[in-house]
Amino acid sequence: MNFIIEQIKEHYAIASLENRDKVNIPKQLVPPGAVEGTVLTININLDETEKQKAGISRLIKDLWKE
């Protein structure tokens, strides 16, 4: 999914989606160097998702051990 930064405000950036909807993105999530017109992309990170699932599974198993 792509976003185009339309404006950068003090605490957030206004971006338009491919369907022209607008979203506010907290400024701390905007990559350094991004300016108006920059295209941002959101991707699913399957490797990190699996790591998170494995970590949660370990926590659950540890809970049952106690």
PDB file of N, CA and C in Angstrom:
ATOM      1  N   MET A   1       0.846  -1.161   0.000  1.00  0.00           N
ATOM      2  CA  MET A   1       0.000   0.000   0.000  1.00  0.00           C
ATOM      3  C   MET A   1       0.900   1.234   0.000  1.00  0.00           C
ATOM      4  N   ASN A   2       0.610   2.166  -0.869  1.00  0.00           N
ATOM      5  CA  ASN A   2       1.398   3.387  -0.969  1.00  0.00           C
ATOM      6  C   ASN A   2       0.637   4.590  -0.428  1.00  0.00           C
ATOM      7  N   PHE A   3       1.382   5.515   0.148  1.00  0.00           N
ATOM      8  CA  PHE A   3       0.875   6.797   0.611  1.00  0.00           C
ATOM      9  C   PHE A   3       1.736   7.876  -0.022  1.00  0.00           C
ATOM     10  N   ILE A   4       1.144   8.990  -0.357  1.00  0.00           N
ATOM     11  CA  ILE A   4       1.916  10.139  -0.826  1.00  0.00           C
ATOM     12  C   ILE A   4       1.770  11.241   0.213  1.00  0.00           C
ATOM     13  N   ILE A   5       2.891  11.738   0.712  1.00  0.00           N
ATOM     14  CA  ILE A   5       2.837  12.811   1.703  1.00  0.00           C
ATOM     15  C   ILE A   5       2.402  14.094   1.005  1.00  0.00           C
ATOM     16  N   GLU A   6       1.279  14.634   1.464  1.00  0.00           N
ATOM     17  CA  GLU A   6       0.742  15.876   0.904  1.00  0.00           C
ATOM     18  C   GLU A   6       1.281  17.093   1.649  1.00  0.00           C
ATOM     19  N   GLN A   7       1.288  16.999   2.979  1.00  0.00           N
ATOM     20  CA  GLN A   7       1.750  18.104   3.819  1.00  0.00           C
ATOM     21  C   GLN A   7       2.435  17.534   5.049  1.00  0.00           C
ATOM     22  N   ILE A   8       3.377  18.284   5.577  1.00  0.00           N
ATOM     23  CA  ILE A   8       3.998  17.905   6.841  1.00  0.00           C
ATOM     24  C   ILE A   8       3.727  19.024   7.835  1.00  0.00           C
ATOM     25  N   LYS A   9       3.028  18.674   8.899  1.00  0.00           N
ATOM     26  CA  LYS A   9       2.688  19.621   9.958  1.00  0.00           C
ATOM     27  C   LYS A   9       3.667  19.433  11.114  1.00  0.00           C
ATOM     28  N   GLU A  10       3.421  20.150  12.204  1.00  0.00           N
ATOM     29  CA  GLU A  10       4.336  20.082  13.347  1.00  0.00           C
ATOM     30  C   GLU A  10       4.405  18.686  13.961  1.00  0.00           C
ATOM     31  N   HIS A  11       3.244  18.036  14.124  1.00  0.00           N
ATOM     32  CA  HIS A  11       3.210  16.744  14.824  1.00  0.00           C
ATOM     33  C   HIS A  11       2.771  15.572  13.948  1.00  0.00           C
ATOM     34  N   TYR A  12       2.401  15.827  12.712  1.00  0.00           N
ATOM     35  CA  TYR A  12       1.930  14.752  11.844  1.00  0.00           C
ATOM     36  C   TYR A  12       2.094  15.146  10.378  1.00  0.00           C
ATOM     37  N   ALA A  13       2.004  14.140   9.523  1.00  0.00           N
ATOM     38  CA  ALA A  13       2.001  14.369   8.076  1.00  0.00           C
ATOM     39  C   ALA A  13       0.635  13.963   7.546  1.00  0.00           C
ATOM     40  N   ILE A  14       0.153  14.699   6.582  1.00  0.00           N
ATOM     41  CA  ILE A  14      -1.093  14.351   5.907  1.00  0.00           C
ATOM     42  C   ILE A  14      -0.699  13.633   4.624  1.00  0.00           C
ATOM     43  N   ALA A  15      -1.230  12.434   4.450  1.00  0.00           N
ATOM     44  CA  ALA A  15      -0.882  11.635   3.275  1.00  0.00           C
ATOM     45  C   ALA A  15      -2.152  11.181   2.575  1.00  0.00           C
ATOM     46  N   SER A  16      -2.064  11.008   1.271  1.00  0.00           N
ATOM     47  CA  SER A  16      -3.206  10.491   0.528  1.00  0.00           C
ATOM     48  C   SER A  16      -2.915   9.057   0.113  1.00  0.00           C
ATOM     49  N   LEU A  17      -3.953   8.248   0.211  1.00  0.00           N
ATOM     50  CA  LEU A  17      -3.864   6.851  -0.200  1.00  0.00           C
ATOM     51  C   LEU A  17      -4.090   6.751  -1.701  1.00  0.00           C
ATOM     52  N   GLU A  18      -3.911   5.569  -2.229  1.00  0.00           N
ATOM     53  CA  GLU A  18      -4.127   5.353  -3.656  1.00  0.00           C
ATOM     54  C   GLU A  18      -5.567   5.641  -4.065  1.00  0.00           C
ATOM     55  N   ASN A  19      -6.522   5.455  -3.130  1.00  0.00           N
ATOM     56  CA  ASN A  19      -7.930   5.730  -3.431  1.00  0.00           C
ATOM     57  C   ASN A  19      -8.307   7.182  -3.126  1.00  0.00           C
ATOM     58  N   ARG A  20      -7.316   8.007  -2.808  1.00  0.00           N
ATOM     59  CA  ARG A  20      -7.437   9.443  -2.544  1.00  0.00           C
ATOM     60  C   ARG A  20      -7.966   9.780  -1.154  1.00  0.00           C
ATOM     61  N   ASP A  21      -8.208   8.775  -0.311  1.00  0.00           N
ATOM     62  CA  ASP A  21      -8.525   9.058   1.093  1.00  0.00           C
ATOM     63  C   ASP A  21      -7.305   9.699   1.733  1.00  0.00           C
ATOM     64  N   LYS A  22      -7.537  10.505   2.754  1.00  0.00           N
ATOM     65  CA  LYS A  22      -6.446  11.166   3.474  1.00  0.00           C
ATOM     66  C   LYS A  22      -6.283  10.518   4.843  1.00  0.00           C
ATOM     67  N   VAL A  23      -5.044  10.421   5.297  1.00  0.00           N
ATOM     68  CA  VAL A  23      -4.753   9.900   6.634  1.00  0.00           C
ATOM     69  C   VAL A  23      -3.701  10.785   7.282  1.00  0.00           C
ATOM     70  N   ASN A  24      -3.768  10.875   8.602  1.00  0.00           N
ATOM     71  CA  ASN A  24      -2.740  11.573   9.369  1.00  0.00           C
ATOM     72  C   ASN A  24      -1.756  10.539   9.891  1.00  0.00           C
ATOM     73  N   ILE A  25      -0.492  10.774   9.674  1.00  0.00           N
ATOM     74  CA  ILE A  25       0.557   9.874  10.137  1.00  0.00           C
ATOM     75  C   ILE A  25       1.368  10.619  11.188  1.00  0.00           C
ATOM     76  N   PRO A  26       1.465  10.072  12.415  1.00  0.00           N
ATOM     77  CA  PRO A  26       2.280  10.737  13.436  1.00  0.00           C
ATOM     78  C   PRO A  26       3.690  10.993  12.902  1.00  0.00           C
ATOM     79  N   LYS A  27       4.214  12.167  13.198  1.00  0.00           N
ATOM     80  CA  LYS A  27       5.507  12.564  12.630  1.00  0.00           C
ATOM     81  C   LYS A  27       6.627  11.596  13.001  1.00  0.00           C
ATOM     82  N   GLN A  28       6.554  10.972  14.183  1.00  0.00           N
ATOM     83  CA  GLN A  28       7.615  10.039  14.573  1.00  0.00           C
ATOM     84  C   GLN A  28       7.622   8.785  13.697  1.00  0.00           C
ATOM     85  N   LEU A  29       6.557   8.533  12.930  1.00  0.00           N
ATOM     86  CA  LEU A  29       6.527   7.384  12.023  1.00  0.00           C
ATOM     87  C   LEU A  29       6.958   7.745  10.605  1.00  0.00           C
ATOM     88  N   VAL A  30       7.135   9.034  10.337  1.00  0.00           N
ATOM     89  CA  VAL A  30       7.567   9.476   9.010  1.00  0.00           C
ATOM     90  C   VAL A  30       9.092   9.366   8.947  1.00  0.00           C
ATOM     91  N   PRO A  31       9.622   8.666   7.946  1.00  0.00           N
ATOM     92  CA  PRO A  31      11.073   8.484   7.860  1.00  0.00           C
ATOM     93  C   PRO A  31      11.819   9.815   7.729  1.00  0.00           C
ATOM     94  N   PRO A  32      13.005   9.901   8.320  1.00  0.00           N
ATOM     95  CA  PRO A  32      13.814  11.112   8.166  1.00  0.00           C
ATOM     96  C   PRO A  32      14.068  11.392   6.684  1.00  0.00           C
ATOM     97  N   GLY A  33      14.022  12.636   6.318  1.00  0.00           N
ATOM     98  CA  GLY A  33      14.271  13.015   4.936  1.00  0.00           C
ATOM     99  C   GLY A  33      13.038  13.033   4.056  1.00  0.00           C
ATOM    100  N   ALA A  34      11.906  12.517   4.563  1.00  0.00           N
ATOM    101  CA  ALA A  34      10.672  12.543   3.781  1.00  0.00           C
ATOM    102  C   ALA A  34      10.176  13.984   3.681  1.00  0.00           C
ATOM    103  N   VAL A  35       9.730  14.349   2.502  1.00  0.00           N
ATOM    104  CA  VAL A  35       9.202  15.685   2.249  1.00  0.00           C
ATOM    105  C   VAL A  35       7.870  15.541   1.514  1.00  0.00           C
ATOM    106  N   GLU A  36       7.193  16.662   1.302  1.00  0.00           N
ATOM    107  CA  GLU A  36       5.954  16.619   0.532  1.00  0.00           C
ATOM    108  C   GLU A  36       6.234  15.997  -0.833  1.00  0.00           C
ATOM    109  N   GLY A  37       5.374  15.064  -1.231  1.00  0.00           N
ATOM    110  CA  GLY A  37       5.562  14.350  -2.488  1.00  0.00           C
ATOM    111  C   GLY A  37       6.249  13.008  -2.337  1.00  0.00           C
ATOM    112  N   THR A  38       6.826  12.745  -1.167  1.00  0.00           N
ATOM    113  CA  THR A  38       7.482  11.460  -0.920  1.00  0.00           C
ATOM    114  C   THR A  38       6.432  10.352  -0.875  1.00  0.00           C
ATOM    115  N   VAL A  39       6.732   9.232  -1.504  1.00  0.00           N
ATOM    116  CA  VAL A  39       5.848   8.069  -1.477  1.00  0.00           C
ATOM    117  C   VAL A  39       6.342   7.120  -0.394  1.00  0.00           C
ATOM    118  N   LEU A  40       5.438   6.769   0.523  1.00  0.00           N
ATOM    119  CA  LEU A  40       5.737   5.795   1.577  1.00  0.00           C
ATOM    120  C   LEU A  40       5.000   4.506   1.247  1.00  0.00           C
ATOM    121  N   THR A  41       5.588   3.388   1.595  1.00  0.00           N
ATOM    122  CA  THR A  41       4.983   2.088   1.334  1.00  0.00           C
ATOM    123  C   THR A  41       4.878   1.310   2.634  1.00  0.00           C
ATOM    124  N   ILE A  42       3.729   0.666   2.837  1.00  0.00           N
ATOM    125  CA  ILE A  42       3.550  -0.237   3.976  1.00  0.00           C
ATOM    126  C   ILE A  42       3.553  -1.662   3.434  1.00  0.00           C
ATOM    127  N   ASN A  43       4.376  -2.498   4.037  1.00  0.00           N
ATOM    128  CA  ASN A  43       4.468  -3.904   3.648  1.00  0.00           C
ATOM    129  C   ASN A  43       4.246  -4.786   4.866  1.00  0.00           C
ATOM    130  N   ILE A  44       3.845  -6.000   4.623  1.00  0.00           N
ATOM    131  CA  ILE A  44       3.748  -6.995   5.685  1.00  0.00           C
ATOM    132  C   ILE A  44       5.114  -7.660   5.803  1.00  0.00           C
ATOM    133  N   ASN A  45       5.644  -7.708   7.017  1.00  0.00           N
ATOM    134  CA  ASN A  45       6.941  -8.326   7.256  1.00  0.00           C
ATOM    135  C   ASN A  45       6.685  -9.712   7.857  1.00  0.00           C
ATOM    136  N   LEU A  46       6.656 -10.722   7.012  1.00  0.00           N
ATOM    137  CA  LEU A  46       6.320 -12.076   7.461  1.00  0.00           C
ATOM    138  C   LEU A  46       7.348 -12.647   8.427  1.00  0.00           C
ATOM    139  N   ASP A  47       8.625 -12.349   8.227  1.00  0.00           N
ATOM    140  CA  ASP A  47       9.660 -12.858   9.134  1.00  0.00           C
ATOM    141  C   ASP A  47       9.448 -12.327  10.546  1.00  0.00           C
ATOM    142  N   GLU A  48       9.216 -11.030  10.683  1.00  0.00           N
ATOM    143  CA  GLU A  48       8.996 -10.442  12.007  1.00  0.00           C
ATOM    144  C   GLU A  48       7.683 -10.926  12.615  1.00  0.00           C
ATOM    145  N   THR A  49       6.673 -11.136  11.780  1.00  0.00           N
ATOM    146  CA  THR A  49       5.395 -11.661  12.267  1.00  0.00           C
ATOM    147  C   THR A  49       5.596 -13.034  12.900  1.00  0.00           C
ATOM    148  N   GLU A  50       6.364 -13.879  12.240  1.00  0.00           N
ATOM    149  CA  GLU A  50       6.632 -15.218  12.777  1.00  0.00           C
ATOM    150  C   GLU A  50       7.430 -15.145  14.075  1.00  0.00           C
ATOM    151  N   LYS A  51       8.388 -14.219  14.153  1.00  0.00           N
ATOM    152  CA  LYS A  51       9.155 -14.052  15.389  1.00  0.00           C
ATOM    153  C   LYS A  51       8.238 -13.632  16.536  1.00  0.00           C
ATOM    154  N   GLN A  52       7.306 -12.723  16.261  1.00  0.00           N
ATOM    155  CA  GLN A  52       6.369 -12.277  17.289  1.00  0.00           C
ATOM    156  C   GLN A  52       5.488 -13.436  17.755  1.00  0.00           C
ATOM    157  N   LYS A  53       4.987 -14.217  16.807  1.00  0.00           N
ATOM    158  CA  LYS A  53       4.151 -15.372  17.157  1.00  0.00           C
ATOM    159  C   LYS A  53       4.925 -16.358  18.024  1.00  0.00           C
ATOM    160  N   ALA A  54       6.177 -16.623  17.659  1.00  0.00           N
ATOM    161  CA  ALA A  54       7.000 -17.557  18.428  1.00  0.00           C
ATOM    162  C   ALA A  54       7.239 -17.023  19.834  1.00  0.00           C
ATOM    163  N   GLY A  55       7.500 -15.734  19.956  1.00  0.00           N
ATOM    164  CA  GLY A  55       7.716 -15.130  21.271  1.00  0.00           C
ATOM    165  C   GLY A  55       6.481 -15.216  22.142  1.00  0.00           C
ATOM    166  N   ILE A  56       5.323 -14.974  21.559  1.00  0.00           N
ATOM    167  CA  ILE A  56       4.069 -15.060  22.312  1.00  0.00           C
ATOM    168  C   ILE A  56       3.814 -16.499  22.736  1.00  0.00           C
ATOM    169  N   SER A  57       4.086 -17.442  21.845  1.00  0.00           N
ATOM    170  CA  SER A  57       3.907 -18.860  22.192  1.00  0.00           C
ATOM    171  C   SER A  57       4.788 -19.252  23.371  1.00  0.00           C
ATOM    172  N   ARG A  58       6.041 -18.757  23.381  1.00  0.00           N
ATOM    173  CA  ARG A  58       6.942 -19.052  24.504  1.00  0.00           C
ATOM    174  C   ARG A  58       6.397 -18.460  25.801  1.00  0.00           C
ATOM    175  N   LEU A  59       5.886 -17.249  25.739  1.00  0.00           N
ATOM    176  CA  LEU A  59       5.321 -16.620  26.941  1.00  0.00           C
ATOM    177  C   LEU A  59       4.142 -17.421  27.482  1.00  0.00           C
ATOM    178  N   ILE A  60       3.285 -17.879  26.581  1.00  0.00           N
ATOM    179  CA  ILE A  60       2.118 -18.663  27.005  1.00  0.00           C
ATOM    180  C   ILE A  60       2.567 -19.977  27.641  1.00  0.00           C
ATOM    181  N   LYS A  61       3.544 -20.649  27.033  1.00  0.00           N
ATOM    182  CA  LYS A  61       4.051 -21.900  27.601  1.00  0.00           C
ATOM    183  C   LYS A  61       4.655 -21.658  28.980  1.00  0.00           C
ATOM    184  N   ASP A  62       5.387 -20.552  29.131  1.00  0.00           N
ATOM    185  CA  ASP A  62       5.986 -20.216  30.424  1.00  0.00           C
ATOM    186  C   ASP A  62       4.916 -19.961  31.479  1.00  0.00           C
ATOM    187  N   LEU A  63       3.809 -19.362  31.089  1.00  0.00           N
ATOM    188  CA  LEU A  63       2.720 -19.117  32.043  1.00  0.00           C
ATOM    189  C   LEU A  63       2.154 -20.431  32.570  1.00  0.00           C
ATOM    190  N   TRP A  64       2.020 -21.419  31.687  1.00  0.00           N
ATOM    191  CA  TRP A  64       1.451 -22.693  32.098  1.00  0.00           C
ATOM    192  C   TRP A  64       2.421 -23.509  32.943  1.00  0.00           C
ATOM    193  N   LYS A  65       3.723 -23.250  32.825  1.00  0.00           N
ATOM    194  CA  LYS A  65       4.709 -23.967  33.629  1.00  0.00           C
ATOM    195  C   LYS A  65       4.624 -23.574  35.096  1.00  0.00           C
ATOM    196  N   GLU A  66       4.247 -22.336  35.353  1.00  0.00           N
ATOM    197  CA  GLU A  66       4.220 -21.838  36.737  1.00  0.00           C
ATOM    198  C   GLU A  66       3.041 -22.341  37.424  1.00  0.00           C
TER     199      GLU A  66
END
